[in-house]
N, C-alpha and C. Protein backbone atom coordinates (compact mmCIF):
# COMPACT_ATOMS: atom_id res chain seq x y z
N ARG A 1 100.04 103.60 124.37
CA ARG A 1 100.18 103.31 125.73
C ARG A 1 98.87 102.00 125.36
N ARG A 2 97.65 102.54 125.08
CA ARG A 2 96.94 101.56 124.80
C ARG A 2 97.04 100.31 124.11
N ALA A 3 97.43 100.16 123.52
CA ALA A 3 98.02 99.00 122.59
C ALA A 3 98.90 98.13 123.75
N LEU A 4 99.63 98.35 124.85
CA LEU A 4 100.32 97.69 125.46
C LEU A 4 99.57 97.74 127.00
N GLU A 5 98.06 98.13 127.06
CA GLU A 5 97.59 97.84 128.47
C GLU A 5 97.35 96.55 129.00
N HIS A 6 96.90 95.92 127.82
CA HIS A 6 96.41 94.44 128.08
C HIS A 6 97.70 93.65 128.37
N SER A 7 98.82 93.41 127.47
CA SER A 7 99.85 92.81 127.47
C SER A 7 100.69 93.23 126.62
N LEU A 8 101.95 93.14 126.73
CA LEU A 8 103.39 92.96 126.12
C LEU A 8 103.64 91.83 124.85
N ASP A 9 102.78 90.97 124.73
CA ASP A 9 103.10 89.70 124.47
C ASP A 9 103.30 89.95 122.47
N GLY A 10 102.48 91.10 122.24
CA GLY A 10 102.46 91.27 120.62
C GLY A 10 103.94 92.21 120.29
N TRP A 11 104.55 92.68 121.35
CA TRP A 11 105.52 93.69 121.50
C TRP A 11 106.58 92.85 121.52
N VAL A 12 106.46 91.81 122.00
CA VAL A 12 107.77 90.66 122.47
C VAL A 12 108.33 89.84 121.14
N ASP A 13 106.74 89.28 120.58
CA ASP A 13 106.86 88.61 119.61
C ASP A 13 107.28 89.23 118.07
N ASP A 14 107.21 90.29 117.92
CA ASP A 14 107.88 91.26 116.99
C ASP A 14 109.05 91.54 117.19
N ASP A 15 109.57 91.86 118.49
CA ASP A 15 111.24 92.06 118.42
C ASP A 15 112.03 90.84 118.48
N LEU A 16 111.40 89.15 118.90
CA LEU A 16 111.80 88.09 118.61
C LEU A 16 111.85 87.57 117.37
N ALA A 17 110.93 88.50 116.65
CA ALA A 17 110.93 88.17 115.05
C ALA A 17 112.38 88.67 114.02
N PHE A 18 112.84 89.35 115.25
CA PHE A 18 114.12 90.07 114.20
C PHE A 18 115.38 89.00 114.39
N VAL A 19 115.26 87.98 115.58
CA VAL A 19 116.50 87.64 115.86
C VAL A 19 116.38 85.94 116.08
N GLN A 20 114.72 85.50 115.41
CA GLN A 20 114.43 84.23 115.34
C GLN A 20 114.40 83.68 114.11
N PRO A 21 114.45 82.57 113.68
CA PRO A 21 113.65 81.97 112.48
C PRO A 21 112.26 82.07 112.55
N TRP A 22 111.43 82.16 111.30
CA TRP A 22 110.36 82.42 111.41
C TRP A 22 109.57 81.14 111.15
N GLY A 23 110.26 80.02 111.07
CA GLY A 23 109.54 78.62 110.77
C GLY A 23 109.47 78.74 109.47
N PHE A 24 109.59 79.34 108.57
CA PHE A 24 109.62 78.90 107.07
C PHE A 24 110.58 79.90 106.35
N SER A 25 110.63 79.65 105.07
CA SER A 25 111.60 80.14 104.01
C SER A 25 110.47 81.14 103.19
N LEU A 26 111.03 82.30 103.36
CA LEU A 26 110.56 83.20 102.51
C LEU A 26 110.44 82.90 100.94
N GLU A 27 111.31 82.05 100.45
CA GLU A 27 111.26 81.66 99.18
C GLU A 27 110.10 80.69 98.91
N SER A 28 109.43 79.92 99.90
CA SER A 28 108.46 79.08 99.83
C SER A 28 107.06 79.79 99.88
N ILE A 29 107.28 81.12 99.68
CA ILE A 29 105.68 81.70 99.78
C ILE A 29 105.39 81.49 98.19
N GLN A 30 104.10 81.06 98.29
CA GLN A 30 103.42 81.01 96.75
C GLN A 30 101.98 81.54 96.74
N VAL A 31 101.93 82.82 97.54
CA VAL A 31 100.80 83.61 97.30
C VAL A 31 101.12 84.92 96.94
N PRO A 32 100.28 85.79 96.66
CA PRO A 32 100.83 87.05 96.14
C PRO A 32 101.01 87.85 97.69
N VAL A 33 102.02 88.65 97.61
CA VAL A 33 102.76 89.50 98.50
C VAL A 33 102.61 91.00 98.25
N HIS A 34 102.30 91.88 98.70
CA HIS A 34 102.50 93.15 98.71
C HIS A 34 103.09 93.87 99.68
N ILE A 35 104.18 94.42 99.68
CA ILE A 35 105.00 95.24 100.80
C ILE A 35 104.92 96.58 100.51
N TRP A 36 104.24 96.99 101.66
CA TRP A 36 103.82 98.76 101.37
C TRP A 36 104.74 99.04 102.47
N GLN A 37 105.72 100.11 102.36
CA GLN A 37 106.73 100.77 103.09
C GLN A 37 106.47 102.14 103.03
N GLY A 38 106.69 102.92 104.05
CA GLY A 38 106.77 104.55 103.85
C GLY A 38 108.23 104.91 103.80
N GLU A 39 108.14 106.08 103.21
CA GLU A 39 109.64 106.50 102.79
C GLU A 39 110.61 106.93 104.01
N HIS A 40 109.68 107.68 104.87
CA HIS A 40 110.04 108.19 106.04
C HIS A 40 109.75 107.29 107.18
N ASP A 41 109.66 105.87 107.39
CA ASP A 41 109.46 105.13 108.12
C ASP A 41 110.51 105.09 109.50
N ARG A 42 110.33 105.52 110.56
CA ARG A 42 111.39 105.25 111.52
C ARG A 42 111.55 104.22 112.50
N LEU A 43 110.27 103.46 112.13
CA LEU A 43 110.34 101.95 112.93
C LEU A 43 111.11 100.74 112.25
N VAL A 44 110.88 101.22 110.86
CA VAL A 44 111.35 100.01 109.86
C VAL A 44 111.91 100.50 108.87
N PRO A 45 113.25 100.11 108.29
CA PRO A 45 113.95 100.93 107.23
C PRO A 45 113.32 100.43 106.14
N TRP A 46 113.10 101.22 105.33
CA TRP A 46 112.56 100.98 103.84
C TRP A 46 113.52 99.87 103.30
N SER A 47 114.73 99.78 103.49
CA SER A 47 115.76 98.81 102.84
C SER A 47 115.22 97.37 103.29
N HIS A 48 114.70 97.01 104.40
CA HIS A 48 114.28 96.08 104.85
C HIS A 48 113.03 95.53 104.20
N GLY A 49 111.93 96.65 103.91
CA GLY A 49 111.10 96.05 103.10
C GLY A 49 111.54 95.71 101.60
N GLN A 50 112.21 96.15 101.15
CA GLN A 50 112.77 95.95 99.68
C GLN A 50 113.60 94.65 100.00
N TRP A 51 114.24 94.29 100.94
CA TRP A 51 115.33 93.30 100.95
C TRP A 51 113.76 91.87 101.24
N LEU A 52 113.12 92.31 101.97
CA LEU A 52 111.88 91.25 101.85
C LEU A 52 111.17 90.82 100.45
N ALA A 53 110.88 91.79 99.73
CA ALA A 53 110.56 91.91 98.31
C ALA A 53 111.49 91.01 97.61
N GLU A 54 112.69 91.17 97.69
CA GLU A 54 114.03 90.31 96.71
C GLU A 54 113.73 89.08 97.26
N HIS A 55 113.32 88.44 98.22
CA HIS A 55 113.08 87.50 98.74
C HIS A 55 112.25 86.57 98.92
N ILE A 56 110.94 87.23 98.59
CA ILE A 56 109.67 86.61 98.25
C ILE A 56 109.13 86.64 97.06
N PRO A 57 109.23 85.44 96.20
CA PRO A 57 109.14 85.06 94.98
C PRO A 57 107.94 85.94 94.58
N GLY A 58 107.73 86.77 93.69
CA GLY A 58 106.68 87.53 93.11
C GLY A 58 106.23 88.83 93.82
N ALA A 59 106.86 88.76 94.94
CA ALA A 59 106.22 90.28 95.87
C ALA A 59 106.49 91.64 95.24
N ARG A 60 105.46 92.65 95.43
CA ARG A 60 105.27 93.79 95.08
C ARG A 60 105.79 94.56 96.24
N PHE A 61 106.94 95.45 96.02
CA PHE A 61 107.41 96.65 96.61
C PHE A 61 106.72 97.92 96.54
N ASN A 62 106.03 98.41 97.53
CA ASN A 62 105.48 99.91 97.31
C ASN A 62 106.14 100.76 98.13
N LEU A 63 107.00 101.61 97.56
CA LEU A 63 107.33 102.51 98.48
C LEU A 63 106.55 103.78 98.64
N ALA A 64 105.91 103.90 99.59
CA ALA A 64 104.99 105.51 100.00
C ALA A 64 105.89 106.55 100.05
N LYS A 65 106.32 107.42 98.97
CA LYS A 65 106.87 108.45 98.99
C LYS A 65 106.12 109.47 100.09
N GLY A 66 107.30 109.88 101.15
CA GLY A 66 106.91 111.06 101.89
C GLY A 66 106.01 110.63 103.20
N GLU A 67 105.70 109.14 103.30
CA GLU A 67 104.97 108.84 104.16
C GLU A 67 106.06 107.96 105.33
N GLY A 68 105.39 107.57 106.61
CA GLY A 68 105.89 107.09 107.69
C GLY A 68 105.24 105.90 108.04
N HIS A 69 105.57 105.12 109.17
CA HIS A 69 105.01 103.81 109.51
C HIS A 69 103.52 103.94 109.83
N PHE A 70 103.06 104.96 110.17
CA PHE A 70 101.66 105.05 110.58
C PHE A 70 100.98 105.74 109.48
N SER A 71 101.64 106.81 109.05
CA SER A 71 100.68 107.36 108.07
C SER A 71 100.52 106.97 106.81
N LEU A 72 101.53 105.91 106.19
CA LEU A 72 101.31 105.06 104.81
C LEU A 72 100.05 104.22 104.88
N GLY A 73 99.45 103.75 106.06
CA GLY A 73 98.08 103.02 105.80
C GLY A 73 97.05 103.87 105.64
N VAL A 74 96.96 105.28 106.08
CA VAL A 74 95.87 106.08 106.15
C VAL A 74 95.92 106.88 104.45
N ALA A 75 97.40 107.04 104.14
CA ALA A 75 97.45 107.88 102.93
C ALA A 75 96.94 106.99 101.97
N ASN A 76 97.24 105.68 101.84
CA ASN A 76 97.06 104.87 100.87
C ASN A 76 96.28 103.76 101.13
N ARG A 77 95.33 103.92 101.68
CA ARG A 77 94.28 103.01 102.10
C ARG A 77 93.83 102.40 101.03
N ASP A 78 93.11 103.37 100.00
CA ASP A 78 92.34 102.54 98.94
C ASP A 78 93.57 101.97 98.15
N GLN A 79 94.69 102.34 97.77
CA GLN A 79 95.50 101.55 97.07
C GLN A 79 95.96 100.02 97.29
N ILE A 80 95.72 100.45 99.02
CA ILE A 80 96.16 98.79 99.56
C ILE A 80 95.01 97.82 99.57
N LEU A 81 93.91 98.69 99.67
CA LEU A 81 92.74 97.72 99.59
C LEU A 81 92.03 97.21 98.05
N ASP A 82 92.68 98.10 96.99
CA ASP A 82 92.64 97.41 95.95
C ASP A 82 93.54 96.35 95.29
N ALA A 83 94.74 96.60 96.39
CA ALA A 83 95.76 95.52 96.00
C ALA A 83 95.43 94.10 96.48
N LEU A 84 94.64 94.10 97.83
CA LEU A 84 94.05 93.08 98.36
C LEU A 84 93.17 92.28 97.41
N ILE A 85 92.01 93.29 96.83
CA ILE A 85 91.12 92.63 96.28
C ILE A 85 91.58 92.00 95.00
N ASP A 86 92.45 92.70 94.28
CA ASP A 86 92.88 92.09 93.08
C ASP A 86 93.95 90.72 93.50
N SER A 87 94.59 90.72 94.38
CA SER A 87 95.25 89.24 94.92
C SER A 87 94.39 88.45 95.55
N GLN A 88 93.16 88.62 95.54
CA GLN A 88 92.10 87.76 95.74
C GLN A 88 91.91 86.65 94.67
N GLN A 89 92.07 86.68 93.64
CA GLN A 89 92.22 86.43 92.28
C GLN A 89 93.00 85.14 91.80
N HIS A 90 93.86 85.15 92.75
CA HIS A 90 95.14 84.26 92.87
C HIS A 90 94.41 82.64 93.40
N PRO A 91 95.01 81.90 92.62
CA PRO A 91 94.26 80.46 92.57
C PRO A 91 94.65 79.76 93.77
N ARG A 92 95.87 79.87 94.69
CA ARG A 92 96.02 79.15 95.65
C ARG A 92 95.98 79.97 96.72
N LEU A 93 95.51 81.51 96.70
CA LEU A 93 94.81 81.91 97.76
C LEU A 93 93.53 81.49 98.19
N LYS A 94 93.29 80.70 99.09
CA LYS A 94 91.98 80.06 99.72
C LYS A 94 91.59 80.46 101.38
N LEU A 95 90.66 81.44 101.56
CA LEU A 95 90.38 81.70 102.73
C LEU A 95 88.75 81.15 103.33
N PRO A 96 88.74 81.41 104.42
CA PRO A 96 87.46 80.85 104.71
C PRO A 96 86.24 81.61 104.82
N PHE A 97 86.69 83.05 104.19
CA PHE A 97 85.71 84.32 104.05
C PHE A 97 85.86 84.99 102.58
N ASP A 98 85.44 85.71 102.30
CA ASP A 98 85.49 86.42 101.42
C ASP A 98 85.98 87.85 101.22
N PRO A 99 87.47 88.08 101.25
CA PRO A 99 87.83 89.25 101.75
C PRO A 99 87.33 90.57 100.79
N VAL A 100 87.02 90.09 99.45
CA VAL A 100 86.73 91.23 98.78
C VAL A 100 85.30 91.63 99.12
N GLU A 101 84.13 90.53 99.20
CA GLU A 101 83.00 91.39 99.79
C GLU A 101 83.25 92.04 100.89
N MET A 102 84.11 91.54 101.96
CA MET A 102 84.27 92.62 103.29
C MET A 102 84.52 93.64 103.03
N LEU A 103 85.91 93.84 101.87
CA LEU A 103 86.19 95.27 101.98
C LEU A 103 85.28 96.07 100.89
N LEU A 104 84.35 95.43 100.28
CA LEU A 104 83.38 96.37 99.18
C LEU A 104 82.35 96.39 100.24
N GLU A 105 81.76 95.95 100.92
CA GLU A 105 80.83 96.21 102.03
C GLU A 105 81.18 97.35 102.64
N GLU A 106 82.69 97.26 103.19
CA GLU A 106 83.20 98.44 104.31
C GLU A 106 83.27 99.81 103.39
N ARG A 107 83.61 99.51 102.19
CA ARG A 107 83.57 100.93 101.29
C ARG A 107 82.07 101.49 101.10
N ARG A 108 81.35 100.56 100.84
CA ARG A 108 79.67 101.03 100.75
C ARG A 108 79.29 101.47 102.02
N GLU A 109 79.53 100.84 103.09
CA GLU A 109 79.42 101.64 104.46
C GLU A 109 79.95 103.04 104.79
N ARG A 110 80.96 102.94 104.26
CA ARG A 110 81.94 104.21 104.35
C ARG A 110 81.39 105.24 103.49
N THR A 111 80.93 105.04 102.25
CA THR A 111 80.27 105.83 101.29
C THR A 111 78.84 106.36 101.65
N ASP A 112 78.07 105.33 102.40
CA ASP A 112 76.69 105.61 102.64
C ASP A 112 76.82 106.45 103.99
N ALA A 113 77.57 106.37 104.65
CA ALA A 113 77.76 106.89 106.16
C ALA A 113 77.43 108.90 105.84
N PRO A 114 76.64 109.17 107.00
CA PRO A 114 76.10 110.48 106.84
C PRO A 114 77.45 111.31 107.34
N THR A 115 77.44 112.20 106.51
CA THR A 115 78.62 113.13 106.98
C THR A 115 78.32 114.34 107.95
């Protein structure tokens, strides 16, 4: 409910993406792509993630056994962050910030946080 309390726009945009062109060809993607999909995802069938990986050049498909749509990110957080850090080395990936430094800083804060 909280995700929709201000607007339904994001939800509508997601639903329209199912039936309208995205404005680019998947085959034109030239940066690293990691597709993470939960084996028990009830919102997006894992076969869709697999299809995306087959149509995006060089994409890596990661099927998280035993995970669903939301648990995937929690259970595989470190692996996902490691993949993002590794992808930063790609020569075509130019960002206005350093995501590697951001992720490492976040990890340091998490490690240094009192328990």
